[in-house]
Amino acid sequence: MVETPVLKDRIALVTGASRGIGYEAALGLASAGAHVVATARTQGGLEELDDAIFAATGQHATLIPFDLVDGGAIDRLGGALYERFGRLDIWVNTAATMGAEGLTPVAHADPRQFAKIEKVNLTAVYRLIRSLEPLLRASDAGRAIHLTTSLVSAPKAFWGSYAATKAAAEVLVRCWADEIESTPIRATVLDPGRMRTRLRAQAYPGEDPETLPHPSEIAPLIVDLARGDKVPPVMVSFKDWKASKA
């Protein structure tokens, strides 16, 4: 007997889906039966993702290329999803940036770069929540999964712009999770830890990427957190989840 995919007929939005964890999350969700709506700045990366999804499932994703610094585009996203699907079952937010400068002392951070980092890592999260909550409420079991960083609890030198904006976003999502606890929506903050991503390579150019977990390894956890028949925790780390499976 063929088992029904655990996310069959679910609508899943993945922000930051053109590479890394977002790419693998989108592919994993699609392989679990969800219809994926993938967003990112890079059209080519989204098209590569769509090819991979089609090769794995025989179905195409919905691709929406735009930049998260465009607040108006985020607002329009909610309306477009409502017109197309009438609801949203899953939202996975993997988009983040450390800016073109990379690691830099706090006192030397360029104001324009800091503003862009803040827009992507924090303001976009607020605007996405504002735009998507009505759609998640229309689901019988809305699930939101926001990726954070261990730098929130263990800050390090030169990571100030990135760590501060990610910390603020984590607090924002946790406050939101408390606000929606009486609804069918559940929000989870997920710490992926050290992982083989472009952002990690930007921060540590001399590090051997082969020593790090591949982003595909976290996809099963994201699929599990997205399930409507389970109640996910508010906070979870990939490291702890992986240890529990050992």
Protein backbone atom coordinates (compact mmCIF):
# COMPACT_ATOMS: atom_id res chain seq x y z
CA MET A 1 0.00 0.00 0.00
CA VAL A 2 1.39 3.42 -0.97
CA GLU A 3 1.49 5.85 1.94
CA THR A 4 -0.06 9.30 1.49
CA PRO A 5 2.63 12.01 1.57
CA VAL A 6 2.59 13.71 4.98
CA LEU A 7 2.10 17.17 3.45
CA LYS A 8 -0.25 16.24 0.63
CA ASP A 9 -2.24 19.23 -0.68
CA ARG A 10 -0.59 21.67 1.75
CA ILE A 11 0.46 25.09 0.47
CA ALA A 12 3.98 26.00 1.59
CA LEU A 13 5.76 29.33 1.17
CA VAL A 14 9.55 29.33 1.44
CA THR A 15 11.35 32.69 1.57
CA GLY A 16 15.01 32.61 0.59
CA ALA A 17 14.46 29.49 -1.50
CA SER A 18 17.05 29.93 -4.25
CA ARG A 19 19.93 28.29 -2.39
CA GLY A 20 21.14 26.70 0.83
CA ILE A 21 18.68 25.77 3.54
CA GLY A 22 15.78 27.46 1.75
CA TYR A 23 16.42 25.46 -1.43
CA GLU A 24 16.60 22.16 0.43
CA ALA A 25 13.59 23.01 2.58
CA ALA A 26 11.51 23.76 -0.51
CA LEU A 27 12.62 20.54 -2.18
CA GLY A 28 11.88 18.55 0.97
CA LEU A 29 8.42 20.07 1.40
CA ALA A 30 7.56 19.40 -2.24
CA SER A 31 8.79 15.81 -1.96
CA ALA A 32 6.51 15.42 1.08
CA GLY A 33 3.50 16.42 -1.03
CA ALA A 34 3.22 20.19 -0.53
CA HIS A 35 2.78 22.69 -3.31
CA VAL A 36 5.71 25.07 -2.85
CA VAL A 37 5.61 28.80 -3.40
CA ALA A 38 9.26 29.80 -3.62
CA THR A 39 10.56 33.35 -3.26
CA ALA A 40 14.06 34.80 -3.56
CA ARG A 41 15.88 37.62 -5.33
CA THR A 42 17.52 35.30 -7.87
CA GLN A 43 15.30 34.18 -10.76
CA GLY A 44 17.90 31.67 -11.97
CA GLY A 45 18.16 30.02 -8.57
CA LEU A 46 14.39 29.69 -8.37
CA GLU A 47 14.26 28.11 -11.82
CA GLU A 48 16.92 25.58 -10.79
CA LEU A 49 14.82 24.76 -7.72
CA ASP A 50 11.73 24.31 -9.88
CA ASP A 51 13.64 21.91 -12.14
CA ALA A 52 14.72 19.88 -9.09
CA ILE A 53 11.17 19.81 -7.69
CA PHE A 54 9.76 18.71 -11.04
CA ALA A 55 12.40 15.98 -11.35
CA ALA A 56 11.54 14.70 -7.86
CA THR A 57 7.75 15.04 -7.91
CA GLY A 58 6.52 15.66 -11.46
CA GLN A 59 4.97 18.93 -10.24
CA HIS A 60 6.07 22.52 -10.64
CA ALA A 61 6.49 25.11 -7.89
CA THR A 62 5.09 28.63 -7.97
CA LEU A 63 8.01 31.04 -8.32
CA ILE A 64 7.86 34.62 -7.07
CA PRO A 65 11.15 36.52 -7.49
CA PHE A 66 11.40 39.68 -5.38
CA ASP A 67 13.63 41.40 -2.84
CA LEU A 68 12.60 41.36 0.81
CA VAL A 69 13.75 44.96 1.20
CA ASP A 70 10.66 45.84 -0.88
CA GLY A 71 8.00 46.17 1.79
CA GLY A 72 5.27 46.84 -0.74
CA ALA A 73 6.07 43.56 -2.50
CA ILE A 74 5.70 41.71 0.80
CA ASP A 75 2.30 43.32 1.33
CA ARG A 76 1.23 42.33 -2.18
CA LEU A 77 2.44 38.78 -1.62
CA GLY A 78 -0.30 38.09 0.90
CA GLY A 79 -2.98 39.32 -1.50
CA ALA A 80 -1.58 37.29 -4.38
CA LEU A 81 -1.50 34.11 -2.30
CA TYR A 82 -5.07 34.72 -1.16
CA GLU A 83 -6.26 35.17 -4.74
CA ARG A 84 -4.47 32.00 -5.88
CA PHE A 85 -4.90 29.63 -2.92
CA GLY A 86 -7.19 31.23 -0.34
CA ARG A 87 -4.93 30.10 2.51
CA LEU A 88 -1.39 29.25 3.52
CA ASP A 89 -0.55 26.12 5.49
CA ILE A 90 3.22 26.46 5.89
CA TRP A 91 5.67 29.35 5.92
CA VAL A 92 9.40 28.68 6.17
CA ASN A 93 11.54 31.81 6.51
CA THR A 94 15.19 31.15 5.68
CA ALA A 95 16.10 34.49 4.09
CA ALA A 96 18.90 36.40 5.81
CA THR A 97 21.92 38.52 4.99
CA MET A 98 25.10 39.70 6.68
CA GLY A 99 25.56 42.45 4.11
CA ALA A 100 28.21 43.10 1.51
CA GLU A 101 30.78 44.07 4.15
CA GLY A 102 30.67 40.69 5.87
CA LEU A 103 32.10 40.60 9.38
CA THR A 104 32.99 44.05 10.66
CA PRO A 105 33.42 45.85 14.00
CA VAL A 106 30.22 47.49 15.21
CA ALA A 107 31.81 50.95 15.19
CA HIS A 108 32.92 50.50 11.57
CA ALA A 109 29.62 49.25 10.14
CA ASP A 110 28.41 51.25 7.17
CA PRO A 111 25.00 52.84 7.90
CA ARG A 112 23.58 51.90 4.50
CA GLN A 113 24.70 48.29 4.87
CA PHE A 114 23.31 48.13 8.40
CA ALA A 115 19.98 49.46 7.16
CA LYS A 116 19.81 46.77 4.47
CA ILE A 117 20.69 44.01 6.94
CA GLU A 118 17.99 45.31 9.29
CA LYS A 119 15.40 45.41 6.49
CA VAL A 120 16.03 41.80 5.41
CA ASN A 121 16.65 40.17 8.80
CA LEU A 122 14.09 42.04 10.90
CA THR A 123 11.66 44.40 9.17
CA ALA A 124 10.86 41.85 6.46
CA VAL A 125 9.98 39.31 9.16
CA TYR A 126 7.50 41.73 10.72
CA ARG A 127 5.98 42.58 7.35
CA LEU A 128 5.75 38.91 6.36
CA ILE A 129 3.95 38.08 9.62
CA ARG A 130 1.59 40.98 9.01
CA SER A 131 0.93 39.88 5.43
CA LEU A 132 0.72 36.13 6.02
CA GLU A 133 -1.05 35.71 9.36
CA PRO A 134 -4.57 36.00 7.84
CA LEU A 135 -3.67 33.27 5.34
CA LEU A 136 -2.23 31.02 8.04
CA ARG A 137 -5.39 31.55 10.08
CA ALA A 138 -7.39 30.27 7.10
CA SER A 139 -5.54 26.95 7.39
CA ASP A 140 -6.70 24.22 9.74
CA ALA A 141 -3.14 23.92 11.05
CA GLY A 142 -0.90 26.79 9.97
CA ARG A 143 2.80 26.26 10.61
CA ALA A 144 5.51 28.97 10.57
CA ILE A 145 9.19 28.03 10.84
CA HIS A 146 11.71 30.84 11.26
CA LEU A 147 15.44 30.22 11.13
CA THR A 148 17.57 31.88 13.78
CA THR A 149 21.23 31.69 14.79
CA SER A 150 23.16 30.57 17.87
CA LEU A 151 24.72 34.04 17.90
CA VAL A 152 21.52 35.24 19.57
CA SER A 153 22.51 33.47 22.79
CA ALA A 154 26.29 33.54 22.23
CA PRO A 155 27.27 36.83 20.54
CA LYS A 156 30.73 37.12 18.98
CA ALA A 157 32.96 39.97 17.90
CA PHE A 158 32.37 41.37 14.41
CA TRP A 159 28.93 39.73 14.07
CA GLY A 160 27.09 42.72 15.57
CA SER A 161 24.87 43.78 12.65
CA TYR A 162 23.83 40.26 11.76
CA ALA A 163 23.47 38.95 15.31
CA ALA A 164 21.52 41.96 16.58
CA THR A 165 18.98 41.89 13.76
CA LYS A 166 18.57 38.11 14.00
CA ALA A 167 18.13 38.39 17.78
CA ALA A 168 15.42 40.98 17.33
CA ALA A 169 13.68 38.82 14.73
CA GLU A 170 13.78 35.80 17.03
CA VAL A 171 12.17 37.77 19.86
CA LEU A 172 9.57 39.10 17.42
CA VAL A 173 8.63 35.59 16.28
CA ARG A 174 8.51 34.26 19.85
CA CYS A 175 6.21 37.12 20.87
CA TRP A 176 4.03 36.33 17.87
CA ALA A 177 4.00 32.64 18.82
CA ASP A 178 2.63 33.61 22.23
CA GLU A 179 -0.02 35.81 20.66
CA ILE A 180 -1.36 33.09 18.37
CA GLU A 181 -1.35 30.18 20.81
CA SER A 182 -5.17 30.14 20.88
CA THR A 183 -5.32 29.81 17.08
CA PRO A 184 -4.53 26.82 14.85
CA ILE A 185 -1.19 28.47 13.95
CA ARG A 186 2.05 27.31 15.55
CA ALA A 187 5.32 29.21 15.10
CA THR A 188 8.71 27.60 15.64
CA VAL A 189 12.16 29.17 15.86
CA LEU A 190 14.75 26.79 14.40
CA ASP A 191 18.50 27.06 14.96
CA PRO A 192 20.33 25.22 12.16
CA GLY A 193 23.75 25.62 13.77
CA ARG A 194 26.93 25.41 11.69
CA MET A 195 25.92 24.44 8.17
CA ARG A 196 27.35 24.42 4.63
CA THR A 197 25.78 27.64 3.32
CA ARG A 198 26.95 30.62 1.31
CA LEU A 199 26.51 32.91 4.32
CA ARG A 200 28.75 30.62 6.39
CA ALA A 201 31.35 30.58 3.62
CA GLN A 202 31.24 34.39 3.48
CA ALA A 203 31.98 34.58 7.19
CA TYR A 204 34.59 31.81 7.26
CA PRO A 205 36.27 31.70 3.83
CA GLY A 206 39.09 29.45 5.06
CA GLU A 207 36.80 26.80 6.54
CA ASP A 208 36.51 23.42 4.84
CA PRO A 209 32.81 23.16 3.89
CA GLU A 210 33.06 19.36 3.83
CA THR A 211 33.35 19.42 7.64
CA LEU A 212 29.86 20.93 7.92
CA PRO A 213 26.42 19.33 7.54
CA HIS A 214 24.86 19.81 4.09
CA PRO A 215 21.62 21.85 4.12
CA SER A 216 19.73 18.81 2.82
CA GLU A 217 20.23 17.21 6.24
CA ILE A 218 17.89 19.70 7.92
CA ALA A 219 15.06 19.24 5.39
CA PRO A 220 13.47 16.24 7.19
CA LEU A 221 13.28 18.28 10.41
CA ILE A 222 11.59 21.17 8.59
CA VAL A 223 9.09 18.76 7.03
CA ASP A 224 8.34 17.32 10.47
CA LEU A 225 7.82 20.79 11.97
CA ALA A 226 5.47 21.65 9.09
CA ARG A 227 3.10 18.74 9.73
CA GLY A 228 -0.39 19.72 10.75
CA ASP A 229 -0.95 16.54 12.75
CA LYS A 230 1.84 17.35 15.20
CA VAL A 231 2.32 20.20 17.66
CA PRO A 232 5.83 21.58 17.11
CA PRO A 233 7.93 23.19 19.85
CA VAL A 234 8.45 26.95 19.90
CA MET A 235 12.24 26.48 19.95
CA VAL A 236 14.27 23.68 18.39
CA SER A 237 17.86 23.18 17.26
CA PHE A 238 19.07 20.95 14.45
CA LYS A 239 21.91 19.74 16.69
CA ASP A 240 19.52 18.49 19.41
CA TRP A 241 17.15 16.93 16.85
CA LYS A 242 20.02 15.13 15.15
CA ALA A 243 21.28 13.85 18.51
CA SER A 244 17.82 12.50 19.32
CA LYS A 245 17.86 10.49 16.09
CA ALA A 246 21.27 8.94 16.75
